[in-house]
Amino acid sequence: MWKGNTAPIYSGMRLTLVKIYYFEEKDAPLYTRILCQLPGAFSAIIELGKAILVAQFSCSYEKHIMRQADTYDIEMPRRYYI
């Protein structure tokens, strides 16, 4: 369902890198949908049991996101891609 146009706002690449996160396991689609609602998330590809998120979260923000990930049934086979 189309919800409207959005304009992604990128921070300076010297301050915050755009990263690609890959999640697997049962809660990967749910957790990625939650992260897509946060400022800094640009795009996601979601399938059953796995998801990819493209985002530009600050380091301090990312720390809280990864801590929250421990409460879900997800795995990150690799840290993230830059």
PDB file of N, CA and C in Angstrom:
ATOM      1  N   MET A   1       0.837  -1.169   0.000  1.00  0.00           N
ATOM      2  CA  MET A   1       0.000   0.000   0.000  1.00  0.00           C
ATOM      3  C   MET A   1       0.888   1.240   0.000  1.00  0.00           C
ATOM      4  N   TRP A   2       0.589   2.179  -0.868  1.00  0.00           N
ATOM      5  CA  TRP A   2       1.364   3.408  -0.963  1.00  0.00           C
ATOM      6  C   TRP A   2       0.956   4.346   0.151  1.00  0.00           C
ATOM      7  N   LYS A   3       1.933   4.867   0.911  1.00  0.00           N
ATOM      8  CA  LYS A   3       1.642   5.761   2.031  1.00  0.00           C
ATOM      9  C   LYS A   3       2.079   7.187   1.767  1.00  0.00           C
ATOM     10  N   GLY A   4       2.730   7.445   0.654  1.00  0.00           N
ATOM     11  CA  GLY A   4       3.133   8.812   0.351  1.00  0.00           C
ATOM     12  C   GLY A   4       4.608   8.900   0.034  1.00  0.00           C
ATOM     13  N   ASN A   5       5.001  10.062  -0.372  1.00  0.00           N
ATOM     14  CA  ASN A   5       6.401  10.305  -0.694  1.00  0.00           C
ATOM     15  C   ASN A   5       7.176  10.688   0.560  1.00  0.00           C
ATOM     16  N   THR A   6       8.433  10.325   0.578  1.00  0.00           N
ATOM     17  CA  THR A   6       9.304  10.730   1.674  1.00  0.00           C
ATOM     18  C   THR A   6      10.593  11.277   1.089  1.00  0.00           C
ATOM     19  N   ALA A   7      11.223  12.119   1.844  1.00  0.00           N
ATOM     20  CA  ALA A   7      12.513  12.677   1.429  1.00  0.00           C
ATOM     21  C   ALA A   7      13.558  12.261   2.453  1.00  0.00           C
ATOM     22  N   PRO A   8      14.434  11.329   2.110  1.00  0.00           N
ATOM     23  CA  PRO A   8      15.457  10.921   3.078  1.00  0.00           C
ATOM     24  C   PRO A   8      16.426  12.066   3.356  1.00  0.00           C
ATOM     25  N   ILE A   9      16.766  12.228   4.609  1.00  0.00           N
ATOM     26  CA  ILE A   9      17.705  13.267   5.019  1.00  0.00           C
ATOM     27  C   ILE A   9      18.984  12.575   5.468  1.00  0.00           C
ATOM     28  N   TYR A  10      20.040  12.782   4.725  1.00  0.00           N
ATOM     29  CA  TYR A  10      21.320  12.153   5.028  1.00  0.00           C
ATOM     30  C   TYR A  10      22.176  13.102   5.861  1.00  0.00           C
ATOM     31  N   SER A  11      22.854  12.544   6.859  1.00  0.00           N
ATOM     32  CA  SER A  11      23.849  13.307   7.610  1.00  0.00           C
ATOM     33  C   SER A  11      25.141  13.307   6.808  1.00  0.00           C
ATOM     34  N   GLY A  12      26.087  14.130   7.207  1.00  0.00           N
ATOM     35  CA  GLY A  12      27.379  14.133   6.534  1.00  0.00           C
ATOM     36  C   GLY A  12      28.063  12.784   6.668  1.00  0.00           C
ATOM     37  N   MET A  13      28.623  12.280   5.574  1.00  0.00           N
ATOM     38  CA  MET A  13      29.259  10.962   5.587  1.00  0.00           C
ATOM     39  C   MET A  13      30.497  10.934   6.475  1.00  0.00           C
ATOM     40  N   ARG A  14      31.087  12.068   6.757  1.00  0.00           N
ATOM     41  CA  ARG A  14      32.243  12.088   7.661  1.00  0.00           C
ATOM     42  C   ARG A  14      31.814  11.897   9.107  1.00  0.00           C
ATOM     43  N   LEU A  15      30.581  12.247   9.407  1.00  0.00           N
ATOM     44  CA  LEU A  15      30.069  12.115  10.767  1.00  0.00           C
ATOM     45  C   LEU A  15      29.428  10.754  11.016  1.00  0.00           C
ATOM     46  N   THR A  16      28.598  10.329  10.078  1.00  0.00           N
ATOM     47  CA  THR A  16      27.835   9.095  10.249  1.00  0.00           C
ATOM     48  C   THR A  16      27.794   8.337   8.925  1.00  0.00           C
ATOM     49  N   LEU A  17      28.200   7.083   8.949  1.00  0.00           N
ATOM     50  CA  LEU A  17      28.222   6.267   7.734  1.00  0.00           C
ATOM     51  C   LEU A  17      26.856   5.650   7.453  1.00  0.00           C
ATOM     52  N   VAL A  18      26.554   5.464   6.192  1.00  0.00           N
ATOM     53  CA  VAL A  18      25.372   4.695   5.805  1.00  0.00           C
ATOM     54  C   VAL A  18      25.768   3.226   5.890  1.00  0.00           C
ATOM     55  N   LYS A  19      24.980   2.439   6.630  1.00  0.00           N
ATOM     56  CA  LYS A  19      25.315   1.029   6.865  1.00  0.00           C
ATOM     57  C   LYS A  19      24.178   0.136   6.391  1.00  0.00           C
ATOM     58  N   ILE A  20      24.536  -1.083   6.039  1.00  0.00           N
ATOM     59  CA  ILE A  20      23.558  -2.095   5.645  1.00  0.00           C
ATOM     60  C   ILE A  20      23.578  -3.188   6.709  1.00  0.00           C
ATOM     61  N   TYR A  21      22.440  -3.394   7.346  1.00  0.00           N
ATOM     62  CA  TYR A  21      22.304  -4.396   8.399  1.00  0.00           C
ATOM     63  C   TYR A  21      21.556  -5.599   7.838  1.00  0.00           C
ATOM     64  N   TYR A  22      22.053  -6.800   8.153  1.00  0.00           N
ATOM     65  CA  TYR A  22      21.407  -8.035   7.699  1.00  0.00           C
ATOM     66  C   TYR A  22      21.008  -8.840   8.926  1.00  0.00           C
ATOM     67  N   PHE A  23      19.709  -9.081   9.082  1.00  0.00           N
ATOM     68  CA  PHE A  23      19.182  -9.835  10.218  1.00  0.00           C
ATOM     69  C   PHE A  23      18.598 -11.152   9.730  1.00  0.00           C
ATOM     70  N   GLU A  24      18.731 -12.189  10.565  1.00  0.00           N
ATOM     71  CA  GLU A  24      18.131 -13.498  10.292  1.00  0.00           C
ATOM     72  C   GLU A  24      17.377 -13.966  11.525  1.00  0.00           C
ATOM     73  N   GLU A  25      16.614 -15.004  11.376  1.00  0.00           N
ATOM     74  CA  GLU A  25      15.840 -15.698  12.399  1.00  0.00           C
ATOM     75  C   GLU A  25      14.395 -15.199  12.429  1.00  0.00           C
ATOM     76  N   LYS A  26      13.631 -15.717  13.368  1.00  0.00           N
ATOM     77  CA  LYS A  26      12.182 -15.538  13.400  1.00  0.00           C
ATOM     78  C   LYS A  26      11.736 -14.073  13.495  1.00  0.00           C
ATOM     79  N   ASP A  27      12.351 -13.281  14.360  1.00  0.00           N
ATOM     80  CA  ASP A  27      11.909 -11.900  14.593  1.00  0.00           C
ATOM     81  C   ASP A  27      12.591 -10.870  13.695  1.00  0.00           C
ATOM     82  N   ALA A  28      13.374 -11.311  12.731  1.00  0.00           N
ATOM     83  CA  ALA A  28      14.082 -10.367  11.848  1.00  0.00           C
ATOM     84  C   ALA A  28      13.124  -9.430  11.105  1.00  0.00           C
ATOM     85  N   PRO A  29      12.026  -9.929  10.514  1.00  0.00           N
ATOM     86  CA  PRO A  29      11.104  -9.008   9.840  1.00  0.00           C
ATOM     87  C   PRO A  29      10.467  -7.995  10.801  1.00  0.00           C
ATOM     88  N   LEU A  30      10.062  -8.452  11.967  1.00  0.00           N
ATOM     89  CA  LEU A  30       9.444  -7.564  12.955  1.00  0.00           C
ATOM     90  C   LEU A  30      10.417  -6.478  13.408  1.00  0.00           C
ATOM     91  N   TYR A  31      11.621  -6.878  13.766  1.00  0.00           N
ATOM     92  CA  TYR A  31      12.605  -5.911  14.263  1.00  0.00           C
ATOM     93  C   TYR A  31      12.982  -4.901  13.175  1.00  0.00           C
ATOM     94  N   THR A  32      13.090  -5.353  11.948  1.00  0.00           N
ATOM     95  CA  THR A  32      13.414  -4.441  10.847  1.00  0.00           C
ATOM     96  C   THR A  32      12.277  -3.461  10.605  1.00  0.00           C
ATOM     97  N   ARG A  33      11.043  -3.918  10.710  1.00  0.00           N
ATOM     98  CA  ARG A  33       9.906  -2.997  10.561  1.00  0.00           C
ATOM     99  C   ARG A  33       9.916  -1.938  11.661  1.00  0.00           C
ATOM    100  N   ILE A  34      10.283  -2.326  12.856  1.00  0.00           N
ATOM    101  CA  ILE A  34      10.385  -1.362  13.960  1.00  0.00           C
ATOM    102  C   ILE A  34      11.477  -0.345  13.665  1.00  0.00           C
ATOM    103  N   LEU A  35      12.647  -0.825  13.227  1.00  0.00           N
ATOM    104  CA  LEU A  35      13.761   0.082  12.937  1.00  0.00           C
ATOM    105  C   LEU A  35      13.441   1.021  11.779  1.00  0.00           C
ATOM    106  N   CYS A  36      12.619   0.587  10.843  1.00  0.00           N
ATOM    107  CA  CYS A  36      12.250   1.438   9.696  1.00  0.00           C
ATOM    108  C   CYS A  36      11.481   2.678  10.122  1.00  0.00           C
ATOM    109  N   GLN A  37      10.882   2.656  11.290  1.00  0.00           N
ATOM    110  CA  GLN A  37      10.128   3.811  11.774  1.00  0.00           C
ATOM    111  C   GLN A  37      11.026   4.873  12.398  1.00  0.00           C
ATOM    112  N   LEU A  38      12.284   4.531  12.661  1.00  0.00           N
ATOM    113  CA  LEU A  38      13.199   5.458  13.324  1.00  0.00           C
ATOM    114  C   LEU A  38      13.835   6.423  12.334  1.00  0.00           C
ATOM    115  N   PRO A  39      14.162   7.628  12.809  1.00  0.00           N
ATOM    116  CA  PRO A  39      14.890   8.564  11.942  1.00  0.00           C
ATOM    117  C   PRO A  39      16.253   7.985  11.580  1.00  0.00           C
ATOM    118  N   GLY A  40      16.626   8.081  10.345  1.00  0.00           N
ATOM    119  CA  GLY A  40      17.909   7.549   9.898  1.00  0.00           C
ATOM    120  C   GLY A  40      17.786   6.273   9.094  1.00  0.00           C
ATOM    121  N   ALA A  41      16.629   5.609   9.164  1.00  0.00           N
ATOM    122  CA  ALA A  41      16.397   4.401   8.363  1.00  0.00           C
ATOM    123  C   ALA A  41      15.850   4.823   7.005  1.00  0.00           C
ATOM    124  N   PHE A  42      16.440   4.304   5.928  1.00  0.00           N
ATOM    125  CA  PHE A  42      16.060   4.731   4.586  1.00  0.00           C
ATOM    126  C   PHE A  42      15.287   3.682   3.810  1.00  0.00           C
ATOM    127  N   SER A  43      15.680   2.420   3.935  1.00  0.00           N
ATOM    128  CA  SER A  43      15.094   1.398   3.084  1.00  0.00           C
ATOM    129  C   SER A  43      15.247   0.036   3.740  1.00  0.00           C
ATOM    130  N   ALA A  44      14.352  -0.884   3.383  1.00  0.00           N
ATOM    131  CA  ALA A  44      14.440  -2.246   3.910  1.00  0.00           C
ATOM    132  C   ALA A  44      13.899  -3.229   2.885  1.00  0.00           C
ATOM    133  N   ILE A  45      14.463  -4.417   2.907  1.00  0.00           N
ATOM    134  CA  ILE A  45      13.957  -5.550   2.134  1.00  0.00           C
ATOM    135  C   ILE A  45      13.667  -6.637   3.155  1.00  0.00           C
ATOM    136  N   ILE A  46      12.412  -7.072   3.203  1.00  0.00           N
ATOM    137  CA  ILE A  46      11.986  -7.994   4.249  1.00  0.00           C
ATOM    138  C   ILE A  46      11.414  -9.255   3.620  1.00  0.00           C
ATOM    139  N   GLU A  47      11.889 -10.417   4.089  1.00  0.00           N
ATOM    140  CA  GLU A  47      11.370 -11.721   3.689  1.00  0.00           C
ATOM    141  C   GLU A  47      11.099 -12.522   4.951  1.00  0.00           C
ATOM    142  N   LEU A  48      10.563 -13.707   4.796  1.00  0.00           N
ATOM    143  CA  LEU A  48      10.331 -14.571   5.951  1.00  0.00           C
ATOM    144  C   LEU A  48      11.665 -14.981   6.560  1.00  0.00           C
ATOM    145  N   GLY A  49      11.871 -14.648   7.810  1.00  0.00           N
ATOM    146  CA  GLY A  49      13.064 -15.080   8.521  1.00  0.00           C
ATOM    147  C   GLY A  49      14.334 -14.316   8.232  1.00  0.00           C
ATOM    148  N   LYS A  50      14.277 -13.274   7.392  1.00  0.00           N
ATOM    149  CA  LYS A  50      15.478 -12.479   7.135  1.00  0.00           C
ATOM    150  C   LYS A  50      15.089 -11.102   6.617  1.00  0.00           C
ATOM    151  N   ALA A  51      15.986 -10.151   6.824  1.00  0.00           N
ATOM    152  CA  ALA A  51      15.708  -8.785   6.390  1.00  0.00           C
ATOM    153  C   ALA A  51      17.008  -8.005   6.255  1.00  0.00           C
ATOM    154  N   ILE A  52      16.980  -7.021   5.370  1.00  0.00           N
ATOM    155  CA  ILE A  52      18.106  -6.111   5.163  1.00  0.00           C
ATOM    156  C   ILE A  52      17.595  -4.698   5.408  1.00  0.00           C
ATOM    157  N   LEU A  53      18.370  -3.913   6.139  1.00  0.00           N
ATOM    158  CA  LEU A  53      18.018  -2.531   6.446  1.00  0.00           C
ATOM    159  C   LEU A  53      19.159  -1.617   6.033  1.00  0.00           C
ATOM    160  N   VAL A  54      18.840  -0.535   5.341  1.00  0.00           N
ATOM    161  CA  VAL A  54      19.821   0.489   4.992  1.00  0.00           C
ATOM    162  C   VAL A  54      19.513   1.690   5.869  1.00  0.00           C
ATOM    163  N   ALA A  55      20.499   2.106   6.664  1.00  0.00           N
ATOM    164  CA  ALA A  55      20.254   3.185   7.620  1.00  0.00           C
ATOM    165  C   ALA A  55      21.529   3.964   7.904  1.00  0.00           C
ATOM    166  N   GLN A  56      21.332   5.128   8.484  1.00  0.00           N
ATOM    167  CA  GLN A  56      22.435   5.992   8.883  1.00  0.00           C
ATOM    168  C   GLN A  56      22.180   6.415  10.327  1.00  0.00           C
ATOM    169  N   PHE A  57      22.425   5.499  11.263  1.00  0.00           N
ATOM    170  CA  PHE A  57      22.245   5.774  12.683  1.00  0.00           C
ATOM    171  C   PHE A  57      23.559   6.268  13.273  1.00  0.00           C
ATOM    172  N   SER A  58      23.481   7.197  14.213  1.00  0.00           N
ATOM    173  CA  SER A  58      24.697   7.649  14.889  1.00  0.00           C
ATOM    174  C   SER A  58      25.216   6.525  15.781  1.00  0.00           C
ATOM    175  N   CYS A  59      26.476   6.601  16.166  1.00  0.00           N
ATOM    176  CA  CYS A  59      27.088   5.540  16.983  1.00  0.00           C
ATOM    177  C   CYS A  59      26.383   5.396  18.330  1.00  0.00           C
ATOM    178  N   SER A  60      26.040   6.514  18.961  1.00  0.00           N
ATOM    179  CA  SER A  60      25.368   6.436  20.260  1.00  0.00           C
ATOM    180  C   SER A  60      23.961   5.849  20.109  1.00  0.00           C
ATOM    181  N   TYR A  61      23.282   6.167  19.030  1.00  0.00           N
ATOM    182  CA  TYR A  61      21.947   5.648  18.743  1.00  0.00           C
ATOM    183  C   TYR A  61      22.020   4.156  18.434  1.00  0.00           C
ATOM    184  N   GLU A  62      23.043   3.775  17.679  1.00  0.00           N
ATOM    185  CA  GLU A  62      23.215   2.376  17.291  1.00  0.00           C
ATOM    186  C   GLU A  62      23.457   1.485  18.512  1.00  0.00           C
ATOM    187  N   LYS A  63      24.131   2.018  19.502  1.00  0.00           N
ATOM    188  CA  LYS A  63      24.386   1.255  20.728  1.00  0.00           C
ATOM    189  C   LYS A  63      23.067   0.823  21.372  1.00  0.00           C
ATOM    190  N   HIS A  64      22.096   1.705  21.440  1.00  0.00           N
ATOM    191  CA  HIS A  64      20.791   1.380  22.024  1.00  0.00           C
ATOM    192  C   HIS A  64      20.014   0.403  21.141  1.00  0.00           C
ATOM    193  N   ILE A  65      20.146   0.551  19.837  1.00  0.00           N
ATOM    194  CA  ILE A  65      19.460  -0.344  18.901  1.00  0.00           C
ATOM    195  C   ILE A  65      19.981  -1.772  19.053  1.00  0.00           C
ATOM    196  N   MET A  66      21.284  -1.925  19.143  1.00  0.00           N
ATOM    197  CA  MET A  66      21.868  -3.263  19.278  1.00  0.00           C
ATOM    198  C   MET A  66      21.560  -3.873  20.645  1.00  0.00           C
ATOM    199  N   ARG A  67      21.487  -3.053  21.671  1.00  0.00           N
ATOM    200  CA  ARG A  67      21.116  -3.556  22.996  1.00  0.00           C
ATOM    201  C   ARG A  67      19.672  -4.065  22.970  1.00  0.00           C
ATOM    202  N   GLN A  68      18.795  -3.344  22.302  1.00  0.00           N
ATOM    203  CA  GLN A  68      17.397  -3.757  22.188  1.00  0.00           C
ATOM    204  C   GLN A  68      17.261  -5.027  21.348  1.00  0.00           C
ATOM    205  N   ALA A  69      18.148  -5.226  20.398  1.00  0.00           N
ATOM    206  CA  ALA A  69      18.103  -6.417  19.541  1.00  0.00           C
ATOM    207  C   ALA A  69      18.256  -7.701  20.351  1.00  0.00           C
ATOM    208  N   ASP A  70      18.910  -7.622  21.497  1.00  0.00           N
ATOM    209  CA  ASP A  70      19.086  -8.809  22.339  1.00  0.00           C
ATOM    210  C   ASP A  70      17.768  -9.350  22.870  1.00  0.00           C
ATOM    211  N   THR A  71      16.725  -8.533  22.890  1.00  0.00           N
ATOM    212  CA  THR A  71      15.436  -8.984  23.414  1.00  0.00           C
ATOM    213  C   THR A  71      14.585  -9.687  22.352  1.00  0.00           C
ATOM    214  N   TYR A  72      15.050  -9.710  21.110  1.00  0.00           N
ATOM    215  CA  TYR A  72      14.332 -10.362  20.010  1.00  0.00           C
ATOM    216  C   TYR A  72      15.088 -11.607  19.561  1.00  0.00           C
ATOM    217  N   ASP A  73      14.364 -12.511  18.908  1.00  0.00           N
ATOM    218  CA  ASP A  73      14.973 -13.728  18.361  1.00  0.00           C
ATOM    219  C   ASP A  73      15.540 -13.400  16.978  1.00  0.00           C
ATOM    220  N   ILE A  74      16.708 -12.729  16.975  1.00  0.00           N
ATOM    221  CA  ILE A  74      17.370 -12.379  15.718  1.00  0.00           C
ATOM    222  C   ILE A  74      18.858 -12.655  15.832  1.00  0.00           C
ATOM    223  N   GLU A  75      19.477 -12.799  14.686  1.00  0.00           N
ATOM    224  CA  GLU A  75      20.929 -12.952  14.593  1.00  0.00           C
ATOM    225  C   GLU A  75      21.436 -12.007  13.528  1.00  0.00           C
ATOM    226  N   MET A  76      22.647 -11.525  13.730  1.00  0.00           N
ATOM    227  CA  MET A  76      23.345 -10.769  12.695  1.00  0.00           C
ATOM    228  C   MET A  76      24.575 -11.579  12.332  1.00  0.00           C
ATOM    229  N   PRO A  77      24.534 -12.331  11.225  1.00  0.00           N
ATOM    230  CA  PRO A  77      25.684 -13.151  10.850  1.00  0.00           C
ATOM    231  C   PRO A  77      26.960 -12.328  10.681  1.00  0.00           C
ATOM    232  N   ARG A  78      26.800 -11.081  10.281  1.00  0.00           N
ATOM    233  CA  ARG A  78      27.923 -10.153  10.165  1.00  0.00           C
ATOM    234  C   ARG A  78      27.517  -8.870  10.852  1.00  0.00           C
ATOM    235  N   ARG A  79      28.487  -8.127  11.321  1.00  0.00           N
ATOM    236  CA  ARG A  79      28.187  -6.899  12.067  1.00  0.00           C
ATOM    237  C   ARG A  79      27.334  -5.941  11.235  1.00  0.00           C
ATOM    238  N   TYR A  80      27.847  -5.385  10.203  1.00  0.00           N
ATOM    239  CA  TYR A  80      27.129  -4.553   9.242  1.00  0.00           C
ATOM    240  C   TYR A  80      28.042  -4.291   8.064  1.00  0.00           C
ATOM    241  N   TYR A  81      27.482  -3.794   6.998  1.00  0.00           N
ATOM    242  CA  TYR A  81      28.253  -3.453   5.800  1.00  0.00           C
ATOM    243  C   TYR A  81      28.247  -1.939   5.659  1.00  0.00           C
ATOM    244  N   ILE A  82      29.349  -1.405   5.178  1.00  0.00           N
ATOM    245  CA  ILE A  82      29.450   0.049   4.993  1.00  0.00           C
ATOM    246  C   ILE A  82      29.465   0.340   3.510  1.00  0.00           C
TER     247      ILE A  82
END
